[in-house]
Amino acid sequence: MLVGRLTSDDDELDVAYADVFVVVREGETGPGANDWEVTVTSQEPHRLEPGSHELVFETLEGERLTGRALLRFSDGHRHLFRGDGTLVGYTD
């Protein structure tokens, strides 16, 4: 899923590119707590603190998803979040 808008702890990132990768394991109806991640490239440098973040994002298809995720990597422009809880709003 491509993301058009993303906020991290009420701090909106100026998104150049972002996508959500979701794994739904056989026999499950949705992703597990660690079965999703968000990759973001911001247009301008954006400092994010290491640790856990509450993400809210809107896909280009108009879906609104929320979830707690750990910031796994950030160099100011590229940011990788790994799910650390339920991805609310996900539909297959």
N, C-alpha and C. Protein backbone atom coordinates (compact mmCIF):
# COMPACT_ATOMS: atom_id res chain seq x y z
N MET A 1 0.83 -1.17 0.00
CA MET A 1 0.00 0.00 0.00
C MET A 1 0.88 1.24 0.00
N LEU A 2 0.57 2.18 -0.85
CA LEU A 2 1.30 3.43 -0.85
C LEU A 2 0.64 4.42 0.10
N VAL A 3 1.46 5.19 0.79
CA VAL A 3 0.98 6.13 1.79
C VAL A 3 1.09 7.55 1.25
N GLY A 4 0.03 8.35 1.45
CA GLY A 4 0.05 9.74 1.02
C GLY A 4 0.33 10.71 2.15
N ARG A 5 -0.03 10.31 3.36
CA ARG A 5 0.13 11.20 4.51
C ARG A 5 0.48 10.37 5.73
N LEU A 6 1.43 10.86 6.55
CA LEU A 6 1.84 10.10 7.73
C LEU A 6 2.19 11.05 8.86
N THR A 7 1.70 10.73 10.05
CA THR A 7 2.10 11.45 11.26
C THR A 7 2.69 10.45 12.24
N SER A 8 3.67 10.93 12.97
CA SER A 8 4.31 10.15 14.01
C SER A 8 4.18 10.94 15.31
N ASP A 9 3.39 10.42 16.24
CA ASP A 9 3.16 11.13 17.51
C ASP A 9 2.71 12.57 17.26
N ASP A 10 1.74 12.76 16.38
CA ASP A 10 1.16 14.06 16.02
C ASP A 10 2.14 14.98 15.29
N ASP A 11 3.26 14.46 14.82
CA ASP A 11 4.25 15.21 14.06
C ASP A 11 4.15 14.75 12.61
N GLU A 12 3.62 15.60 11.71
CA GLU A 12 3.42 15.19 10.32
C GLU A 12 4.73 15.26 9.53
N LEU A 13 5.02 14.19 8.81
CA LEU A 13 6.19 14.14 7.95
C LEU A 13 5.79 14.60 6.55
N ASP A 14 6.68 15.33 5.88
CA ASP A 14 6.47 15.77 4.52
C ASP A 14 6.90 14.62 3.61
N VAL A 15 5.96 13.76 3.24
CA VAL A 15 6.24 12.50 2.58
C VAL A 15 6.57 12.69 1.10
N ALA A 16 7.74 12.20 0.70
CA ALA A 16 8.08 12.12 -0.73
C ALA A 16 7.64 10.75 -1.25
N TYR A 17 7.84 9.71 -0.43
CA TYR A 17 7.43 8.35 -0.76
C TYR A 17 7.24 7.59 0.55
N ALA A 18 6.22 6.76 0.60
CA ALA A 18 6.02 5.90 1.76
C ALA A 18 5.17 4.71 1.35
N ASP A 19 5.48 3.56 1.93
CA ASP A 19 4.64 2.40 1.69
C ASP A 19 4.53 1.57 2.96
N VAL A 20 3.50 0.72 2.98
CA VAL A 20 3.24 -0.17 4.10
C VAL A 20 3.35 -1.59 3.58
N PHE A 21 4.12 -2.40 4.27
CA PHE A 21 4.26 -3.81 3.93
C PHE A 21 3.60 -4.60 5.04
N VAL A 22 2.66 -5.48 4.67
CA VAL A 22 1.87 -6.23 5.66
C VAL A 22 1.96 -7.72 5.33
N VAL A 23 2.17 -8.52 6.36
CA VAL A 23 2.14 -9.98 6.24
C VAL A 23 0.94 -10.48 7.02
N VAL A 24 0.11 -11.29 6.34
CA VAL A 24 -0.99 -11.97 7.02
C VAL A 24 -0.69 -13.46 6.92
N ARG A 25 -0.43 -14.06 8.04
CA ARG A 25 -0.03 -15.46 8.08
C ARG A 25 -1.23 -16.38 7.83
N GLU A 26 -0.93 -17.55 7.30
CA GLU A 26 -1.96 -18.53 6.99
C GLU A 26 -2.83 -18.81 8.22
N GLY A 27 -4.12 -18.76 8.02
CA GLY A 27 -5.08 -19.01 9.09
C GLY A 27 -5.43 -17.79 9.91
N GLU A 28 -4.78 -16.65 9.66
CA GLU A 28 -5.06 -15.41 10.40
C GLU A 28 -5.93 -14.48 9.56
N THR A 29 -6.63 -13.57 10.22
CA THR A 29 -7.49 -12.61 9.51
C THR A 29 -6.82 -11.26 9.32
N GLY A 30 -5.69 -11.05 9.98
CA GLY A 30 -4.97 -9.79 9.86
C GLY A 30 -3.53 -9.98 10.29
N PRO A 31 -2.73 -8.94 10.15
CA PRO A 31 -1.32 -9.05 10.53
C PRO A 31 -1.15 -9.14 12.04
N GLY A 32 -0.12 -9.85 12.47
CA GLY A 32 0.23 -9.88 13.88
C GLY A 32 0.90 -8.58 14.29
N ALA A 33 1.21 -8.45 15.55
CA ALA A 33 1.77 -7.21 16.10
C ALA A 33 3.08 -6.81 15.43
N ASN A 34 3.87 -7.76 14.98
CA ASN A 34 5.17 -7.46 14.35
C ASN A 34 5.18 -7.79 12.85
N ASP A 35 4.02 -7.94 12.25
CA ASP A 35 3.92 -8.37 10.86
C ASP A 35 3.64 -7.24 9.88
N TRP A 36 4.04 -6.03 10.24
CA TRP A 36 3.87 -4.90 9.32
C TRP A 36 5.00 -3.90 9.53
N GLU A 37 5.31 -3.16 8.47
CA GLU A 37 6.32 -2.12 8.57
C GLU A 37 5.99 -0.99 7.60
N VAL A 38 6.53 0.17 7.90
CA VAL A 38 6.32 1.36 7.08
C VAL A 38 7.69 1.92 6.70
N THR A 39 7.90 2.11 5.41
CA THR A 39 9.12 2.71 4.89
C THR A 39 8.76 4.10 4.38
N VAL A 40 9.50 5.11 4.83
CA VAL A 40 9.18 6.50 4.50
C VAL A 40 10.43 7.21 3.99
N THR A 41 10.27 8.01 2.95
CA THR A 41 11.29 8.97 2.54
C THR A 41 10.65 10.34 2.66
N SER A 42 11.25 11.21 3.48
CA SER A 42 10.70 12.55 3.68
C SER A 42 11.37 13.52 2.69
N GLN A 43 10.61 14.51 2.26
CA GLN A 43 11.13 15.49 1.30
C GLN A 43 12.21 16.36 1.93
N GLU A 44 11.99 16.75 3.16
CA GLU A 44 12.93 17.59 3.90
C GLU A 44 13.51 16.76 5.04
N PRO A 45 14.71 17.10 5.50
CA PRO A 45 15.26 16.39 6.66
C PRO A 45 14.29 16.46 7.85
N HIS A 46 14.10 15.34 8.49
CA HIS A 46 13.16 15.27 9.62
C HIS A 46 13.76 14.38 10.70
N ARG A 47 14.01 14.96 11.85
CA ARG A 47 14.59 14.19 12.95
C ARG A 47 13.48 13.47 13.71
N LEU A 48 13.68 12.19 13.89
CA LEU A 48 12.76 11.37 14.67
C LEU A 48 13.55 10.72 15.80
N GLU A 49 12.98 10.72 16.97
CA GLU A 49 13.62 10.12 18.14
C GLU A 49 13.55 8.60 18.05
N PRO A 50 14.61 7.90 18.41
CA PRO A 50 14.56 6.44 18.46
C PRO A 50 13.49 5.99 19.46
N GLY A 51 12.95 4.81 19.23
CA GLY A 51 11.98 4.26 20.16
C GLY A 51 10.62 4.03 19.52
N SER A 52 9.62 4.01 20.36
CA SER A 52 8.26 3.69 19.95
C SER A 52 7.50 4.95 19.53
N HIS A 53 6.73 4.82 18.44
CA HIS A 53 5.96 5.95 17.90
C HIS A 53 4.54 5.49 17.58
N GLU A 54 3.60 6.37 17.79
CA GLU A 54 2.22 6.11 17.39
C GLU A 54 2.04 6.70 15.99
N LEU A 55 1.83 5.82 15.01
CA LEU A 55 1.70 6.25 13.62
C LEU A 55 0.25 6.35 13.20
N VAL A 56 -0.04 7.36 12.40
CA VAL A 56 -1.33 7.50 11.74
C VAL A 56 -1.01 7.78 10.28
N PHE A 57 -1.54 6.97 9.39
CA PHE A 57 -1.26 7.21 7.98
C PHE A 57 -2.48 6.95 7.13
N GLU A 58 -2.52 7.67 6.01
CA GLU A 58 -3.59 7.52 5.04
C GLU A 58 -2.98 7.01 3.75
N THR A 59 -3.57 5.93 3.22
CA THR A 59 -3.07 5.38 1.97
C THR A 59 -3.62 6.19 0.80
N LEU A 60 -3.01 6.01 -0.35
CA LEU A 60 -3.50 6.69 -1.55
C LEU A 60 -4.88 6.19 -1.96
N GLU A 61 -5.26 5.01 -1.45
CA GLU A 61 -6.59 4.45 -1.71
C GLU A 61 -7.64 5.01 -0.75
N GLY A 62 -7.22 5.86 0.20
CA GLY A 62 -8.16 6.49 1.13
C GLY A 62 -8.34 5.77 2.45
N GLU A 63 -7.58 4.70 2.70
CA GLU A 63 -7.67 4.00 3.98
C GLU A 63 -6.90 4.76 5.06
N ARG A 64 -7.42 4.71 6.27
CA ARG A 64 -6.74 5.33 7.42
C ARG A 64 -6.32 4.21 8.36
N LEU A 65 -5.01 4.14 8.63
CA LEU A 65 -4.47 3.09 9.48
C LEU A 65 -3.71 3.72 10.64
N THR A 66 -3.74 3.05 11.78
CA THR A 66 -3.00 3.52 12.95
C THR A 66 -2.34 2.34 13.64
N GLY A 67 -1.24 2.62 14.31
CA GLY A 67 -0.59 1.57 15.07
C GLY A 67 0.70 2.05 15.71
N ARG A 68 1.10 1.36 16.74
CA ARG A 68 2.36 1.65 17.42
C ARG A 68 3.46 0.90 16.68
N ALA A 69 4.59 1.60 16.45
CA ALA A 69 5.71 1.00 15.74
C ALA A 69 7.03 1.50 16.32
N LEU A 70 8.05 0.67 16.19
CA LEU A 70 9.39 1.04 16.63
C LEU A 70 10.16 1.62 15.45
N LEU A 71 10.85 2.72 15.68
CA LEU A 71 11.70 3.29 14.65
C LEU A 71 12.97 2.44 14.59
N ARG A 72 13.15 1.72 13.48
CA ARG A 72 14.29 0.81 13.33
C ARG A 72 15.48 1.49 12.69
N PHE A 73 15.22 2.53 11.86
CA PHE A 73 16.29 3.22 11.15
C PHE A 73 15.80 4.61 10.76
N SER A 74 16.69 5.60 10.85
CA SER A 74 16.40 6.93 10.34
C SER A 74 17.71 7.66 10.11
N ASP A 75 17.86 8.21 8.90
CA ASP A 75 19.03 9.03 8.61
C ASP A 75 18.63 10.49 8.35
N GLY A 76 17.40 10.83 8.70
CA GLY A 76 16.89 12.17 8.49
C GLY A 76 15.98 12.27 7.28
N HIS A 77 16.22 11.45 6.26
CA HIS A 77 15.37 11.41 5.07
C HIS A 77 14.66 10.07 4.92
N ARG A 78 15.35 8.99 5.23
CA ARG A 78 14.77 7.66 5.12
C ARG A 78 14.49 7.14 6.53
N HIS A 79 13.29 6.58 6.70
CA HIS A 79 12.86 6.13 8.01
C HIS A 79 12.18 4.76 7.85
N LEU A 80 12.49 3.84 8.74
CA LEU A 80 11.87 2.52 8.72
C LEU A 80 11.26 2.24 10.08
N PHE A 81 9.96 1.98 10.08
CA PHE A 81 9.22 1.64 11.30
C PHE A 81 8.80 0.18 11.20
N ARG A 82 8.89 -0.55 12.31
CA ARG A 82 8.42 -1.93 12.39
C ARG A 82 7.28 -1.99 13.38
N GLY A 83 6.18 -2.63 12.98
CA GLY A 83 5.01 -2.74 13.83
C GLY A 83 5.33 -3.28 15.21
N ASP A 84 4.66 -2.72 16.21
CA ASP A 84 4.83 -3.16 17.59
C ASP A 84 3.47 -3.20 18.28
N GLY A 85 2.47 -3.61 17.52
CA GLY A 85 1.11 -3.68 18.04
C GLY A 85 0.14 -3.85 16.88
N THR A 86 -1.11 -3.82 17.20
CA THR A 86 -2.17 -4.01 16.21
C THR A 86 -2.17 -2.88 15.19
N LEU A 87 -2.33 -3.25 13.92
CA LEU A 87 -2.49 -2.27 12.84
C LEU A 87 -3.99 -2.05 12.64
N VAL A 88 -4.49 -1.00 13.26
CA VAL A 88 -5.92 -0.70 13.26
C VAL A 88 -6.32 -0.11 11.91
N GLY A 89 -7.41 -0.64 11.34
CA GLY A 89 -7.93 -0.14 10.08
C GLY A 89 -7.55 -0.98 8.88
N TYR A 90 -6.68 -1.98 9.08
CA TYR A 90 -6.24 -2.82 7.96
C TYR A 90 -7.37 -3.74 7.52
N THR A 91 -7.62 -3.76 6.22
CA THR A 91 -8.55 -4.74 5.63
C THR A 91 -7.85 -5.37 4.44
N ASP A 92 -8.08 -6.64 4.26
CA ASP A 92 -7.44 -7.38 3.17
C ASP A 92 -8.18 -7.17 1.88
